Amino acid sequence: MDRSYWLVNSNRSRIKRFIENTNNKNQFFKYMFIDSGKVTS
């Protein structure tokens, strides 16, 4: 399972999720995927 980290702004209208790529075969670099979005209700 990949690790994920969340960043939410103070008024909770925007979010970002950072996901570590653990399936990377490169031993010298770490890669992350970044998802961003807007919260709607």
N, C-alpha and C. Protein backbone atom coordinates (compact mmCIF):
# COMPACT_ATOMS: atom_id res chain seq x y z
N MET A 1 0.83 -1.19 0.00
CA MET A 1 0.00 0.00 0.00
C MET A 1 0.87 1.25 0.00
N ASP A 2 0.50 2.21 -0.80
CA ASP A 2 1.25 3.46 -0.87
C ASP A 2 0.85 4.37 0.29
N ARG A 3 1.84 5.12 0.79
CA ARG A 3 1.55 6.10 1.82
C ARG A 3 0.94 7.33 1.18
N SER A 4 -0.01 7.94 1.87
CA SER A 4 -0.57 9.19 1.35
C SER A 4 -0.64 10.21 2.48
N TYR A 5 -0.46 11.46 2.12
CA TYR A 5 -0.48 12.57 3.05
C TYR A 5 -1.48 13.60 2.52
N TRP A 6 -2.22 14.25 3.41
CA TRP A 6 -3.24 15.21 3.02
C TRP A 6 -2.87 16.60 3.51
N LEU A 7 -3.18 17.60 2.69
CA LEU A 7 -3.00 18.99 3.06
C LEU A 7 -4.33 19.69 2.77
N VAL A 8 -4.94 20.28 3.82
CA VAL A 8 -6.24 20.93 3.70
C VAL A 8 -6.07 22.38 4.15
N ASN A 9 -6.58 23.34 3.34
CA ASN A 9 -6.43 24.73 3.75
C ASN A 9 -7.37 25.07 4.90
N SER A 10 -7.19 26.24 5.52
CA SER A 10 -7.87 26.56 6.77
C SER A 10 -9.38 26.68 6.64
N ASN A 11 -9.90 27.13 5.49
CA ASN A 11 -11.36 27.21 5.37
C ASN A 11 -11.94 25.98 4.68
N ARG A 12 -11.13 24.94 4.50
CA ARG A 12 -11.52 23.61 4.01
C ARG A 12 -12.19 23.63 2.64
N SER A 13 -11.72 24.52 1.76
CA SER A 13 -12.28 24.56 0.42
C SER A 13 -11.37 23.90 -0.62
N ARG A 14 -10.11 23.74 -0.31
CA ARG A 14 -9.16 23.10 -1.23
C ARG A 14 -8.36 22.03 -0.50
N ILE A 15 -8.04 20.95 -1.22
CA ILE A 15 -7.24 19.87 -0.63
C ILE A 15 -6.17 19.42 -1.62
N LYS A 16 -5.10 18.86 -1.09
CA LYS A 16 -4.06 18.23 -1.89
C LYS A 16 -3.71 16.90 -1.22
N ARG A 17 -3.50 15.88 -2.03
CA ARG A 17 -3.09 14.57 -1.52
C ARG A 17 -1.76 14.22 -2.18
N PHE A 18 -0.79 13.85 -1.37
CA PHE A 18 0.53 13.46 -1.83
C PHE A 18 0.68 11.96 -1.60
N ILE A 19 1.00 11.21 -2.66
CA ILE A 19 1.10 9.76 -2.56
C ILE A 19 2.51 9.34 -2.95
N GLU A 20 3.19 8.64 -2.05
CA GLU A 20 4.52 8.11 -2.36
C GLU A 20 4.42 6.94 -3.31
N ASN A 21 5.27 6.91 -4.30
CA ASN A 21 5.31 5.79 -5.24
C ASN A 21 6.27 4.75 -4.68
N THR A 22 5.73 3.67 -4.13
CA THR A 22 6.58 2.62 -3.55
C THR A 22 6.98 1.57 -4.59
N ASN A 23 6.41 1.64 -5.79
CA ASN A 23 6.75 0.67 -6.84
C ASN A 23 7.88 1.17 -7.73
N ASN A 24 8.57 2.20 -7.29
CA ASN A 24 9.65 2.79 -8.06
C ASN A 24 10.88 1.89 -8.04
N LYS A 25 11.45 1.63 -9.20
CA LYS A 25 12.64 0.79 -9.28
C LYS A 25 13.93 1.59 -9.17
N ASN A 26 13.83 2.91 -9.23
CA ASN A 26 15.00 3.76 -9.11
C ASN A 26 15.37 3.89 -7.65
N GLN A 27 16.59 3.51 -7.29
CA GLN A 27 16.99 3.51 -5.89
C GLN A 27 17.49 4.86 -5.40
N PHE A 28 17.71 5.82 -6.29
CA PHE A 28 18.28 7.10 -5.90
C PHE A 28 17.24 8.20 -5.75
N PHE A 29 16.08 8.06 -6.35
CA PHE A 29 15.05 9.10 -6.31
C PHE A 29 13.74 8.53 -5.79
N LYS A 30 13.01 9.36 -5.05
CA LYS A 30 11.65 9.01 -4.62
C LYS A 30 10.69 9.86 -5.44
N TYR A 31 9.59 9.27 -5.83
CA TYR A 31 8.60 9.98 -6.62
C TYR A 31 7.29 10.05 -5.86
N MET A 32 6.56 11.16 -6.05
CA MET A 32 5.25 11.33 -5.43
C MET A 32 4.25 11.77 -6.48
N PHE A 33 3.03 11.29 -6.32
CA PHE A 33 1.92 11.76 -7.12
C PHE A 33 1.17 12.80 -6.31
N ILE A 34 0.72 13.88 -6.95
CA ILE A 34 0.01 14.95 -6.24
C ILE A 34 -1.36 15.11 -6.88
N ASP A 35 -2.41 14.92 -6.08
CA ASP A 35 -3.78 15.17 -6.49
C ASP A 35 -4.25 16.43 -5.81
N SER A 36 -4.97 17.28 -6.53
CA SER A 36 -5.54 18.47 -5.91
C SER A 36 -7.00 18.57 -6.27
N GLY A 37 -7.76 19.20 -5.40
CA GLY A 37 -9.18 19.31 -5.66
C GLY A 37 -9.84 20.42 -4.87
N LYS A 38 -11.08 20.66 -5.21
CA LYS A 38 -11.89 21.67 -4.54
C LYS A 38 -13.07 20.97 -3.89
N VAL A 39 -13.32 21.28 -2.63
CA VAL A 39 -14.40 20.66 -1.89
C VAL A 39 -15.70 21.41 -2.20
N THR A 40 -16.70 20.66 -2.60
CA THR A 40 -18.03 21.23 -2.84
C THR A 40 -19.05 20.46 -2.01
N SER A 41 -20.10 21.13 -1.64
CA SER A 41 -21.13 20.43 -0.86
C SER A 41 -22.50 20.61 -1.46
